[in-house]
């Protein structure tokens, strides 16, 4: 082999080595991108699974636990006050949860809810002074019921959200005879009023 042939072979070998290294790097980058994409999709799927609403059908013979609670209006409200009307209890995180208060504001503004005759009672584990600023901010007029945790526990709504010891974003449907008919929790912290109304009316 001549010197020129040797040099040519050496250059070709180096070129082949460089090309092979470049191919390895491209394959490595593609593998990393694919792994990252799979991880992101997995996290998204898990998040969607976590955020899905959970519902429980209530037997018509299950009597809703009775209660009397103070309100932000300075009055006391008892569940028995609404006997003869269907009621939705709205248990939520309360003060500091903007989406929770926005949810109540949206329900108040929904014309179909107003026509339905279903009473919605928002229940929070706050004082009036704590929750009132949120109500004012979002224009909520319905008095909030102030719970020390007893009622939230009786309806099994505690530890359903992001904060231990508090309700999540849950609704309990009680028919006109005081029977608990349905319970739903929405980890996404929102449900369209039309969807909530449909859930309720389909069970009354």
N, C-alpha and C. Protein backbone atom coordinates (compact mmCIF):
# COMPACT_ATOMS: atom_id res chain seq x y z
N UNK A 1 0.85 -1.19 0.00
CA UNK A 1 0.00 0.00 0.00
C UNK A 1 0.89 1.24 0.00
N UNK A 2 0.58 2.17 -0.91
CA UNK A 2 1.37 3.39 -0.98
C UNK A 2 1.01 4.31 0.17
N UNK A 3 1.85 5.34 0.36
CA UNK A 3 1.59 6.31 1.43
C UNK A 3 0.28 7.02 1.21
N UNK A 4 0.00 7.36 -0.11
CA UNK A 4 -1.25 8.06 -0.42
C UNK A 4 -2.44 7.18 -0.09
N UNK A 5 -2.36 5.91 -0.47
CA UNK A 5 -3.46 4.99 -0.18
C UNK A 5 -3.65 4.84 1.33
N UNK A 6 -2.53 4.79 2.04
CA UNK A 6 -2.61 4.66 3.51
C UNK A 6 -3.30 5.88 4.12
N UNK A 7 -2.90 7.08 3.64
CA UNK A 7 -3.52 8.31 4.16
C UNK A 7 -5.00 8.35 3.84
N UNK A 8 -5.35 7.93 2.62
CA UNK A 8 -6.77 7.92 2.22
C UNK A 8 -7.56 6.96 3.09
N UNK A 9 -7.00 5.79 3.33
CA UNK A 9 -7.69 4.80 4.18
C UNK A 9 -7.85 5.33 5.60
N UNK A 10 -6.83 6.01 6.10
CA UNK A 10 -6.89 6.55 7.46
C UNK A 10 -7.97 7.62 7.56
N UNK A 11 -8.01 8.52 6.52
CA UNK A 11 -9.03 9.56 6.53
C UNK A 11 -10.43 8.96 6.47
N UNK A 12 -10.57 7.93 5.63
CA UNK A 12 -11.87 7.28 5.50
C UNK A 12 -12.28 6.62 6.81
N UNK A 13 -11.31 6.03 7.50
CA UNK A 13 -11.60 5.39 8.78
C UNK A 13 -12.04 6.42 9.80
N UNK A 14 -11.32 7.58 9.81
CA UNK A 14 -11.70 8.64 10.75
C UNK A 14 -13.09 9.18 10.43
N UNK A 15 -13.37 9.35 9.12
CA UNK A 15 -14.68 9.83 8.69
C UNK A 15 -15.77 8.86 9.10
N UNK A 16 -15.49 7.58 8.89
CA UNK A 16 -16.48 6.56 9.29
C UNK A 16 -16.72 6.60 10.80
N UNK A 17 -15.65 6.80 11.55
CA UNK A 17 -15.78 6.85 13.01
C UNK A 17 -16.60 8.05 13.45
N UNK A 18 -16.34 9.20 12.79
CA UNK A 18 -17.10 10.42 13.12
C UNK A 18 -18.57 10.23 12.78
N UNK A 19 -18.84 9.67 11.59
CA UNK A 19 -20.23 9.45 11.18
C UNK A 19 -20.94 8.49 12.12
N UNK A 20 -20.21 7.45 12.53
CA UNK A 20 -20.80 6.48 13.46
C UNK A 20 -21.11 7.14 14.80
N UNK A 21 -20.21 8.00 15.27
CA UNK A 21 -20.43 8.71 16.54
C UNK A 21 -21.63 9.66 16.42
N UNK A 22 -21.74 10.32 15.27
CA UNK A 22 -22.87 11.23 15.05
C UNK A 22 -24.19 10.46 15.05
N UNK A 23 -24.18 9.28 14.41
CA UNK A 23 -25.39 8.45 14.39
C UNK A 23 -25.78 8.03 15.80
N UNK A 24 -24.76 7.66 16.60
CA UNK A 24 -25.03 7.26 17.99
C UNK A 24 -25.65 8.41 18.77
N UNK A 25 -25.11 9.63 18.56
CA UNK A 25 -25.63 10.79 19.28
C UNK A 25 -27.07 11.10 18.86
N UNK A 26 -27.33 10.98 17.53
CA UNK A 26 -28.69 11.23 17.06
C UNK A 26 -29.67 10.22 17.66
N UNK A 27 -29.25 8.96 17.68
CA UNK A 27 -30.11 7.92 18.25
C UNK A 27 -30.33 8.15 19.74
N UNK A 28 -29.26 8.59 20.43
CA UNK A 28 -29.39 8.86 21.87
C UNK A 28 -30.36 10.01 22.11
N UNK A 29 -30.22 11.09 21.30
CA UNK A 29 -31.13 12.24 21.45
C UNK A 29 -32.57 11.83 21.19
N UNK A 30 -32.77 11.02 20.13
CA UNK A 30 -34.13 10.57 19.82
C UNK A 30 -34.71 9.73 20.95
N UNK A 31 -33.86 8.88 21.52
CA UNK A 31 -34.32 8.03 22.63
C UNK A 31 -34.69 8.88 23.83
N UNK A 32 -33.88 9.92 24.11
CA UNK A 32 -34.17 10.80 25.24
C UNK A 32 -35.46 11.58 25.00
N UNK A 33 -35.64 12.07 23.78
CA UNK A 33 -36.87 12.81 23.45
C UNK A 33 -38.08 11.90 23.58
N UNK A 34 -37.95 10.67 23.09
CA UNK A 34 -39.05 9.71 23.18
C UNK A 34 -39.38 9.40 24.63
N UNK A 35 -38.34 9.19 25.44
CA UNK A 35 -38.56 8.89 26.86
C UNK A 35 -39.23 10.06 27.57
N UNK A 36 -38.77 11.28 27.24
CA UNK A 36 -39.38 12.47 27.87
C UNK A 36 -40.83 12.62 27.45
N UNK A 37 -41.11 12.36 26.17
CA UNK A 37 -42.49 12.46 25.67
C UNK A 37 -43.39 11.45 26.37
N UNK A 38 -42.89 10.22 26.50
CA UNK A 38 -43.67 9.18 27.18
C UNK A 38 -43.92 9.57 28.63
N UNK A 39 -42.89 10.14 29.29
CA UNK A 39 -43.05 10.55 30.69
C UNK A 39 -44.10 11.65 30.83
N UNK A 40 -44.05 12.64 29.91
CA UNK A 40 -45.02 13.74 29.96
C UNK A 40 -46.43 13.22 29.72
N UNK A 41 -46.58 12.36 28.72
CA UNK A 41 -47.90 11.80 28.44
C UNK A 41 -48.41 10.98 29.61
N UNK A 42 -47.48 10.26 30.27
CA UNK A 42 -47.87 9.48 31.44
C UNK A 42 -48.35 10.37 32.57
N UNK A 43 -47.63 11.47 32.79
CA UNK A 43 -48.04 12.41 33.84
C UNK A 43 -49.38 13.06 33.51
N UNK A 44 -49.58 13.39 32.24
CA UNK A 44 -50.86 13.99 31.83
C UNK A 44 -52.00 13.01 32.04
N UNK A 45 -51.76 11.75 31.66
CA UNK A 45 -52.80 10.74 31.83
C UNK A 45 -53.11 10.53 33.31
N UNK A 46 -52.05 10.52 34.14
CA UNK A 46 -52.27 10.35 35.58
C UNK A 46 -53.03 11.54 36.14
N UNK A 47 -52.67 12.76 35.67
CA UNK A 47 -53.37 13.95 36.14
C UNK A 47 -54.84 13.92 35.77
N UNK A 48 -55.13 13.50 34.54
CA UNK A 48 -56.53 13.40 34.12
C UNK A 48 -57.27 12.35 34.93
N UNK A 49 -56.57 11.24 35.23
CA UNK A 49 -57.20 10.19 36.03
C UNK A 49 -57.51 10.70 37.43
N UNK A 50 -56.55 11.45 38.00
CA UNK A 50 -56.73 12.00 39.33
C UNK A 50 -57.86 13.03 39.37
N UNK A 51 -58.01 13.78 38.26
CA UNK A 51 -58.98 14.87 38.23
C UNK A 51 -60.39 14.42 37.86
N UNK A 52 -60.55 13.15 37.55
CA UNK A 52 -61.88 12.70 37.13
C UNK A 52 -62.85 12.79 38.31
N UNK A 53 -64.11 13.13 38.03
CA UNK A 53 -65.09 13.19 39.11
C UNK A 53 -65.41 11.81 39.65
N UNK A 54 -65.66 11.72 40.94
CA UNK A 54 -66.10 10.47 41.54
C UNK A 54 -67.51 10.69 42.08
N UNK A 55 -68.37 9.73 41.83
CA UNK A 55 -69.75 9.87 42.26
C UNK A 55 -70.21 8.63 43.01
N UNK A 56 -71.17 8.83 43.87
CA UNK A 56 -71.75 7.74 44.65
C UNK A 56 -73.25 7.85 44.60
N UNK A 57 -73.90 6.78 44.19
CA UNK A 57 -75.36 6.76 44.20
C UNK A 57 -75.83 6.50 45.62
N UNK A 58 -76.79 7.28 46.07
CA UNK A 58 -77.32 7.08 47.42
C UNK A 58 -78.61 6.29 47.38
N UNK A 59 -78.77 5.34 48.27
CA UNK A 59 -80.02 4.60 48.36
C UNK A 59 -81.12 5.55 48.82
N UNK A 60 -82.31 5.38 48.29
CA UNK A 60 -83.41 6.29 48.62
C UNK A 60 -83.81 6.18 50.08
N UNK A 61 -83.39 5.11 50.75
CA UNK A 61 -83.75 4.93 52.16
C UNK A 61 -82.73 5.57 53.09
N UNK A 62 -81.64 6.11 52.53
CA UNK A 62 -80.61 6.72 53.36
C UNK A 62 -81.03 8.14 53.72
N UNK A 63 -81.30 8.34 54.99
CA UNK A 63 -81.71 9.66 55.45
C UNK A 63 -80.48 10.56 55.57
N UNK A 64 -80.56 11.74 54.99
CA UNK A 64 -79.45 12.69 55.07
C UNK A 64 -79.26 13.14 56.52
N UNK A 65 -78.03 13.17 57.02
CA UNK A 65 -77.79 13.62 58.40
C UNK A 65 -78.33 15.03 58.64
N UNK A 66 -79.06 15.18 59.72
CA UNK A 66 -79.62 16.49 60.06
C UNK A 66 -78.52 17.42 60.58
N UNK A 67 -78.72 18.71 60.41
CA UNK A 67 -77.76 19.67 60.95
C UNK A 67 -78.39 21.05 61.07
N UNK A 68 -77.78 21.85 61.90
CA UNK A 68 -78.08 23.28 62.01
C UNK A 68 -76.75 24.01 62.08
N UNK A 69 -76.56 25.00 61.20
CA UNK A 69 -75.29 25.71 61.14
C UNK A 69 -75.51 27.22 61.09
N UNK A 70 -74.58 27.99 61.66
CA UNK A 70 -74.63 29.44 61.51
C UNK A 70 -74.24 29.82 60.08
N UNK A 71 -74.63 31.01 59.66
CA UNK A 71 -74.31 31.46 58.31
C UNK A 71 -73.59 32.80 58.33
N UNK A 72 -73.07 33.17 57.17
CA UNK A 72 -72.39 34.46 57.04
C UNK A 72 -73.37 35.62 57.20
N UNK A 73 -74.66 35.34 57.11
CA UNK A 73 -75.67 36.39 57.27
C UNK A 73 -76.04 36.60 58.73
N UNK A 74 -75.45 35.81 59.62
CA UNK A 74 -75.74 35.94 61.04
C UNK A 74 -76.96 35.18 61.49
N UNK A 75 -77.48 34.30 60.63
CA UNK A 75 -78.64 33.48 60.96
C UNK A 75 -78.20 32.04 61.17
N UNK A 76 -79.15 31.18 61.55
CA UNK A 76 -78.91 29.75 61.63
C UNK A 76 -79.78 29.05 60.60
N UNK A 77 -79.22 28.05 59.95
CA UNK A 77 -79.95 27.30 58.93
C UNK A 77 -79.92 25.83 59.29
N UNK A 78 -81.10 25.19 59.21
CA UNK A 78 -81.22 23.75 59.44
C UNK A 78 -81.61 23.08 58.13
N UNK A 79 -81.14 21.86 57.93
CA UNK A 79 -81.54 21.12 56.74
C UNK A 79 -83.05 20.95 56.70
N UNK A 80 -83.65 20.77 57.86
CA UNK A 80 -85.11 20.57 57.93
C UNK A 80 -85.89 21.79 57.45
N UNK A 81 -85.25 22.96 57.40
CA UNK A 81 -85.92 24.16 56.90
C UNK A 81 -86.34 24.00 55.44
N UNK A 82 -85.68 23.09 54.74
CA UNK A 82 -85.92 22.94 53.31
C UNK A 82 -86.68 21.67 52.96
N UNK A 83 -87.24 21.03 53.96
CA UNK A 83 -88.04 19.84 53.69
C UNK A 83 -89.17 20.21 52.72
N UNK A 84 -89.33 19.42 51.69
CA UNK A 84 -90.30 19.73 50.64
C UNK A 84 -89.64 20.27 49.39
N UNK A 85 -88.34 20.61 49.49
CA UNK A 85 -87.56 21.08 48.35
C UNK A 85 -86.29 20.25 48.21
N UNK A 86 -85.88 19.94 46.98
CA UNK A 86 -84.58 19.28 46.82
C UNK A 86 -83.46 20.26 47.16
N UNK A 87 -82.39 19.73 47.71
CA UNK A 87 -81.27 20.55 48.17
C UNK A 87 -79.96 19.95 47.67
N UNK A 88 -79.05 20.81 47.27
CA UNK A 88 -77.67 20.39 47.00
C UNK A 88 -76.77 21.06 48.03
N UNK A 89 -76.04 20.25 48.77
CA UNK A 89 -75.04 20.77 49.69
C UNK A 89 -73.72 20.86 48.93
N UNK A 90 -73.12 22.02 48.96
CA UNK A 90 -71.86 22.24 48.24
C UNK A 90 -70.73 22.41 49.25
N UNK A 91 -70.00 21.31 49.49
CA UNK A 91 -68.86 21.32 50.41
C UNK A 91 -67.60 21.71 49.63
N UNK A 92 -66.88 22.72 50.10
CA UNK A 92 -65.68 23.14 49.38
C UNK A 92 -64.61 23.67 50.32
N UNK A 93 -63.45 23.95 49.75
CA UNK A 93 -62.29 24.35 50.56
C UNK A 93 -62.46 25.72 51.21
N UNK A 94 -63.32 26.55 50.64
CA UNK A 94 -63.62 27.83 51.27
C UNK A 94 -62.61 28.92 51.01
N UNK A 95 -62.29 29.69 52.05
CA UNK A 95 -61.45 30.88 51.92
C UNK A 95 -60.12 30.57 51.24
N UNK A 96 -59.78 31.39 50.25
CA UNK A 96 -58.53 31.21 49.53
C UNK A 96 -58.65 30.36 48.28
N UNK A 97 -59.77 29.69 48.11
CA UNK A 97 -60.00 28.86 46.92
C UNK A 97 -60.88 29.66 45.95
N UNK A 98 -60.24 30.38 45.04
CA UNK A 98 -60.99 31.21 44.11
C UNK A 98 -61.96 30.43 43.26
N UNK A 99 -61.53 29.26 42.76
CA UNK A 99 -62.41 28.47 41.90
C UNK A 99 -63.63 27.98 42.66
N UNK A 100 -63.48 27.75 43.97
CA UNK A 100 -64.62 27.30 44.77
C UNK A 100 -65.70 28.39 44.84
N UNK A 101 -65.27 29.62 45.08
CA UNK A 101 -66.23 30.72 45.17
C UNK A 101 -66.78 31.06 43.80
N UNK A 102 -65.95 30.97 42.76
CA UNK A 102 -66.43 31.19 41.40
C UNK A 102 -67.48 30.16 41.02
N UNK A 103 -67.32 28.94 41.52
CA UNK A 103 -68.31 27.89 41.26
C UNK A 103 -69.67 28.31 41.78
N UNK A 104 -69.72 28.82 43.01
CA UNK A 104 -70.98 29.25 43.59
C UNK A 104 -71.56 30.43 42.83
N UNK A 105 -70.70 31.35 42.41
CA UNK A 105 -71.16 32.50 41.63
C UNK A 105 -71.79 32.05 40.31
N UNK A 106 -71.18 31.05 39.67
CA UNK A 106 -71.70 30.54 38.40
C UNK A 106 -73.05 29.86 38.60
N UNK A 107 -73.19 29.13 39.69
CA UNK A 107 -74.48 28.47 39.98
C UNK A 107 -75.56 29.52 40.20
N UNK A 108 -75.23 30.58 40.94
CA UNK A 108 -76.20 31.65 41.19
C UNK A 108 -76.67 32.31 39.90
N UNK A 109 -75.77 32.45 38.94
CA UNK A 109 -76.09 33.15 37.70
C UNK A 109 -76.77 32.25 36.66
N UNK A 110 -76.83 30.95 36.93
CA UNK A 110 -77.39 30.02 35.96
C UNK A 110 -78.92 30.07 36.00
N UNK A 111 -79.53 30.49 34.91
CA UNK A 111 -80.99 30.67 34.87
C UNK A 111 -81.73 29.35 35.07
N UNK A 112 -81.19 28.27 34.52
CA UNK A 112 -81.86 26.97 34.65
C UNK A 112 -81.84 26.48 36.09
N UNK A 113 -80.76 26.77 36.81
CA UNK A 113 -80.72 26.41 38.22
C UNK A 113 -81.80 27.16 38.98
N UNK A 114 -81.95 28.44 38.66
CA UNK A 114 -82.95 29.26 39.34
C UNK A 114 -84.36 28.72 39.09
N UNK A 115 -84.60 28.21 37.89
CA UNK A 115 -85.93 27.68 37.54
C UNK A 115 -86.18 26.30 38.14
N UNK A 116 -85.11 25.59 38.47
CA UNK A 116 -85.24 24.19 38.89
C UNK A 116 -85.89 24.02 40.26
N UNK A 117 -85.78 25.04 41.10
CA UNK A 117 -86.31 24.93 42.46
C UNK A 117 -85.38 24.20 43.40
N UNK A 118 -84.18 23.85 42.93
CA UNK A 118 -83.20 23.18 43.78
C UNK A 118 -82.43 24.23 44.58
N UNK A 119 -82.40 24.08 45.89
CA UNK A 119 -81.67 25.00 46.76
C UNK A 119 -80.22 24.53 46.88
N UNK A 120 -79.28 25.44 46.68
CA UNK A 120 -77.86 25.11 46.83
C UNK A 120 -77.33 25.80 48.08
N UNK A 121 -76.81 24.99 49.01
CA UNK A 121 -76.27 25.51 50.26
C UNK A 121 -74.75 25.29 50.29
N UNK A 122 -73.97 26.36 50.17
CA UNK A 122 -72.51 26.21 50.25
C UNK A 122 -72.06 26.08 51.70
N UNK A 123 -71.20 25.11 51.96
CA UNK A 123 -70.74 24.83 53.33
C UNK A 123 -69.22 24.87 53.36
N UNK A 124 -68.67 25.67 54.27
CA UNK A 124 -67.21 25.80 54.39
C UNK A 124 -66.79 25.70 55.85
N UNK A 125 -65.55 25.34 56.05
CA UNK A 125 -64.99 25.28 57.41
C UNK A 125 -64.20 26.56 57.67
N UNK A 126 -64.91 27.68 57.67
CA UNK A 126 -64.32 28.99 57.90
C UNK A 126 -65.20 29.80 58.84
N UNK A 127 -64.68 30.93 59.28
CA UNK A 127 -65.50 31.91 59.97
C UNK A 127 -66.08 32.85 58.91
N UNK A 128 -67.07 33.63 59.30
CA UNK A 128 -67.65 34.60 58.38
C UNK A 128 -66.60 35.60 57.92
N UNK A 129 -65.75 36.03 58.83
CA UNK A 129 -64.72 37.01 58.49
C UNK A 129 -63.73 36.45 57.47
N UNK A 130 -63.50 35.15 57.50
CA UNK A 130 -62.55 34.54 56.57
C UNK A 130 -63.12 34.40 55.16
N UNK A 131 -64.38 34.00 55.05
CA UNK A 131 -64.95 33.70 53.74
C UNK A 131 -65.60 34.91 53.08
N UNK A 132 -66.01 35.90 53.85
CA UNK A 132 -66.74 37.04 53.28
C UNK A 132 -65.96 37.79 52.20
N UNK A 133 -64.65 38.02 52.36
CA UNK A 133 -63.91 38.71 51.29
C UNK A 133 -63.97 37.97 49.96
N UNK A 134 -63.92 36.64 49.98
CA UNK A 134 -64.03 35.86 48.75
C UNK A 134 -65.42 36.01 48.14
N UNK A 135 -66.44 36.01 48.98
CA UNK A 135 -67.81 36.18 48.50
C UNK A 135 -67.97 37.55 47.84
N UNK A 136 -67.43 38.58 48.48
CA UNK A 136 -67.52 39.93 47.93
C UNK A 136 -66.76 40.04 46.62
N UNK A 137 -65.62 39.40 46.56
CA UNK A 137 -64.78 39.48 45.36
C UNK A 137 -65.49 38.92 44.13
N UNK A 138 -66.21 37.82 44.32
CA UNK A 138 -66.86 37.17 43.18
C UNK A 138 -68.37 37.43 43.11
N UNK A 139 -68.85 38.29 43.99
CA UNK A 139 -70.25 38.69 43.93
C UNK A 139 -71.24 37.62 44.35
N UNK A 140 -70.85 36.74 45.26
CA UNK A 140 -71.75 35.69 45.73
C UNK A 140 -72.71 36.26 46.77
N UNK A 141 -73.99 36.02 46.57
CA UNK A 141 -75.02 36.55 47.48
C UNK A 141 -75.56 35.50 48.45
N UNK A 142 -75.51 34.24 48.07
CA UNK A 142 -76.03 33.18 48.93
C UNK A 142 -75.22 33.09 50.22
N UNK A 143 -75.85 33.15 51.39
CA UNK A 143 -75.09 33.01 52.64
C UNK A 143 -74.38 31.66 52.70
N UNK A 144 -73.17 31.68 53.18
CA UNK A 144 -72.41 30.44 53.36
C UNK A 144 -72.71 29.88 54.75
N UNK A 145 -72.81 28.55 54.82
CA UNK A 145 -72.97 27.88 56.11
C UNK A 145 -71.58 27.59 56.67
N UNK A 146 -71.41 27.88 57.96
CA UNK A 146 -70.10 27.81 58.60
C UNK A 146 -70.01 26.56 59.48
N UNK A 147 -69.18 25.63 59.06
CA UNK A 147 -69.09 24.32 59.69
C UNK A 147 -67.80 24.20 60.49
N UNK A 148 -67.86 23.56 61.63
CA UNK A 148 -66.64 23.29 62.41
C UNK A 148 -66.02 21.95 62.02
N UNK A 149 -66.56 21.34 61.00
CA UNK A 149 -66.07 20.04 60.54
C UNK A 149 -67.02 18.91 60.83
N UNK A 150 -67.97 19.13 61.73
CA UNK A 150 -68.90 18.06 62.13
C UNK A 150 -69.78 17.62 60.97
N UNK A 151 -70.35 18.59 60.26
CA UNK A 151 -71.25 18.26 59.15
C UNK A 151 -70.46 17.70 57.97
N UNK A 152 -69.31 18.29 57.69
CA UNK A 152 -68.47 17.78 56.60
C UNK A 152 -68.08 16.33 56.84
N UNK A 153 -67.80 16.00 58.09
CA UNK A 153 -67.46 14.61 58.43
C UNK A 153 -68.67 13.70 58.31
N UNK A 154 -69.83 14.18 58.75
CA UNK A 154 -71.05 13.37 58.69
C UNK A 154 -71.40 12.99 57.26
N UNK A 155 -71.07 13.87 56.32
CA UNK A 155 -71.37 13.60 54.91
C UNK A 155 -70.17 13.02 54.16
N UNK A 156 -69.12 12.65 54.90
CA UNK A 156 -67.95 12.00 54.32
C UNK A 156 -67.33 12.82 53.19
N UNK A 157 -67.12 14.10 53.45
CA UNK A 157 -66.52 14.96 52.42
C UNK A 157 -65.11 15.42 52.77
N UNK A 158 -64.61 15.05 53.94
CA UNK A 158 -63.27 15.47 54.34
C UNK A 158 -62.19 14.69 53.60
N UNK A 159 -61.04 15.33 53.42
CA UNK A 159 -59.87 14.70 52.80
C UNK A 159 -60.14 14.24 51.38
N UNK A 160 -61.02 14.93 50.68
CA UNK A 160 -61.33 14.56 49.29
C UNK A 160 -60.60 15.46 48.30
N UNK A 161 -59.93 16.49 48.81
CA UNK A 161 -59.24 17.43 47.93
C UNK A 161 -57.76 17.47 48.18
N UNK A 162 -57.17 18.64 48.00
CA UNK A 162 -55.72 18.80 48.14
C UNK A 162 -55.27 19.03 49.57
N UNK A 163 -56.20 19.41 50.44
CA UNK A 163 -55.83 19.79 51.80
C UNK A 163 -56.43 18.82 52.82
N UNK A 164 -55.58 18.19 53.57
CA UNK A 164 -56.02 17.24 54.58
C UNK A 164 -56.87 17.94 55.63
N UNK A 165 -57.96 17.29 55.99
CA UNK A 165 -58.84 17.83 57.01
C UNK A 165 -59.88 18.80 56.50
N UNK A 166 -59.90 19.03 55.17
CA UNK A 166 -60.88 19.92 54.57
C UNK A 166 -61.66 19.18 53.49
N UNK A 167 -62.86 19.66 53.15
CA UNK A 167 -63.57 19.09 52.00
C UNK A 167 -62.81 19.43 50.72
N UNK A 168 -63.16 18.75 49.65
CA UNK A 168 -62.57 19.07 48.35
C UNK A 168 -63.48 19.98 47.57
N UNK A 169 -64.17 19.40 46.59
CA UNK A 169 -65.11 20.16 45.76
C UNK A 169 -66.30 19.23 45.53
N UNK A 170 -67.09 19.05 46.58
CA UNK A 170 -68.11 18.00 46.57
C UNK A 170 -69.53 18.50 46.69
N UNK A 171 -70.44 17.71 46.13
CA UNK A 171 -71.86 18.04 46.15
C UNK A 171 -72.65 16.83 46.64
N UNK A 172 -73.66 17.10 47.45
CA UNK A 172 -74.55 16.05 47.95
C UNK A 172 -75.98 16.45 47.61
N UNK A 173 -76.68 15.56 46.94
CA UNK A 173 -78.08 15.83 46.56
C UNK A 173 -79.02 15.19 47.56
N UNK A 174 -79.94 15.99 48.07
CA UNK A 174 -80.95 15.52 49.03
C UNK A 174 -82.32 15.81 48.43
N UNK A 175 -83.18 14.80 48.39
CA UNK A 175 -84.49 15.01 47.77
C UNK A 175 -85.45 15.72 48.73
N UNK A 176 -86.66 15.99 48.26
CA UNK A 176 -87.62 16.78 49.04
C UNK A 176 -88.06 16.08 50.32
N UNK A 177 -87.82 14.76 50.40
CA UNK A 177 -88.19 14.01 51.60
C UNK A 177 -87.03 13.82 52.57
N UNK A 178 -85.88 14.43 52.26
CA UNK A 178 -84.74 14.34 53.16
C UNK A 178 -83.86 13.13 52.95
N UNK A 179 -83.99 12.47 51.79
CA UNK A 179 -83.17 11.31 51.48
C UNK A 179 -81.95 11.72 50.65
N UNK A 180 -80.81 11.17 51.00
CA UNK A 180 -79.59 11.45 50.25
C UNK A 180 -79.57 10.58 49.00
N UNK A 181 -79.58 11.23 47.83
CA UNK A 181 -79.72 10.50 46.58
C UNK A 181 -78.44 10.36 45.76
N UNK A 182 -77.52 11.28 45.95
CA UNK A 182 -76.31 11.27 45.11
C UNK A 182 -75.24 12.12 45.75
N UNK A 183 -73.97 11.73 45.51
CA UNK A 183 -72.83 12.50 46.00
C UNK A 183 -71.74 12.49 44.95
N UNK A 184 -71.19 13.65 44.64
CA UNK A 184 -70.14 13.74 43.64
C UNK A 184 -69.01 14.64 44.10
N UNK A 185 -67.77 14.24 43.79
CA UNK A 185 -66.60 15.06 44.13
C UNK A 185 -65.81 15.34 42.86
N UNK A 186 -65.38 16.58 42.70
CA UNK A 186 -64.72 17.01 41.47
C UNK A 186 -63.32 17.57 41.78
N UNK A 187 -62.29 16.72 41.71
CA UNK A 187 -60.92 17.16 42.01
C UNK A 187 -60.41 18.26 41.09
N UNK A 188 -61.04 18.42 39.92
CA UNK A 188 -60.65 19.50 39.01
C UNK A 188 -61.06 20.85 39.56
N UNK A 189 -61.82 20.86 40.66
CA UNK A 189 -62.28 22.08 41.32
C UNK A 189 -63.25 22.88 40.47
N UNK A 190 -63.97 22.19 39.60
CA UNK A 190 -64.97 22.89 38.79
C UNK A 190 -65.91 21.87 38.15
N UNK A 191 -67.17 22.22 38.06
CA UNK A 191 -68.14 21.47 37.27
C UNK A 191 -69.09 22.49 36.67
N UNK A 192 -69.39 22.33 35.40
CA UNK A 192 -70.31 23.26 34.76
C UNK A 192 -71.67 23.19 35.46
N UNK A 193 -72.30 24.33 35.75
CA UNK A 193 -73.60 24.31 36.40
C UNK A 193 -74.62 23.44 35.66
N UNK A 194 -74.58 23.46 34.33
CA UNK A 194 -75.52 22.64 33.55
C UNK A 194 -75.29 21.16 33.81
N UNK A 195 -74.02 20.76 33.94
CA UNK A 195 -73.70 19.35 34.23
C UNK A 195 -74.18 18.97 35.62
N UNK A 196 -73.94 19.84 36.58
CA UNK A 196 -74.39 19.58 37.95
C UNK A 196 -75.91 19.49 38.02
N UNK A 197 -76.59 20.38 37.33
CA UNK A 197 -78.05 20.36 37.33
C UNK A 197 -78.58 19.08 36.69
N UNK A 198 -77.92 18.64 35.62
CA UNK A 198 -78.33 17.40 34.96
C UNK A 198 -78.15 16.20 35.89
N UNK A 199 -77.02 16.17 36.61
CA UNK A 199 -76.78 15.09 37.57
C UNK A 199 -77.90 15.06 38.61
N UNK A 200 -78.30 16.23 39.07
CA UNK A 200 -79.31 16.31 40.13
C UNK A 200 -80.70 15.93 39.62
N UNK A 201 -81.11 16.55 38.53
CA UNK A 201 -82.49 16.33 38.05
C UNK A 201 -82.71 14.91 37.57
N UNK A 202 -81.64 14.25 37.12
CA UNK A 202 -81.80 12.87 36.64
C UNK A 202 -82.05 11.89 37.78
N UNK A 203 -81.86 12.36 39.03
CA UNK A 203 -82.01 11.48 40.19
C UNK A 203 -83.18 11.88 41.08
N UNK A 204 -83.93 12.87 40.65
CA UNK A 204 -85.08 13.30 41.46
C UNK A 204 -86.39 12.80 40.84
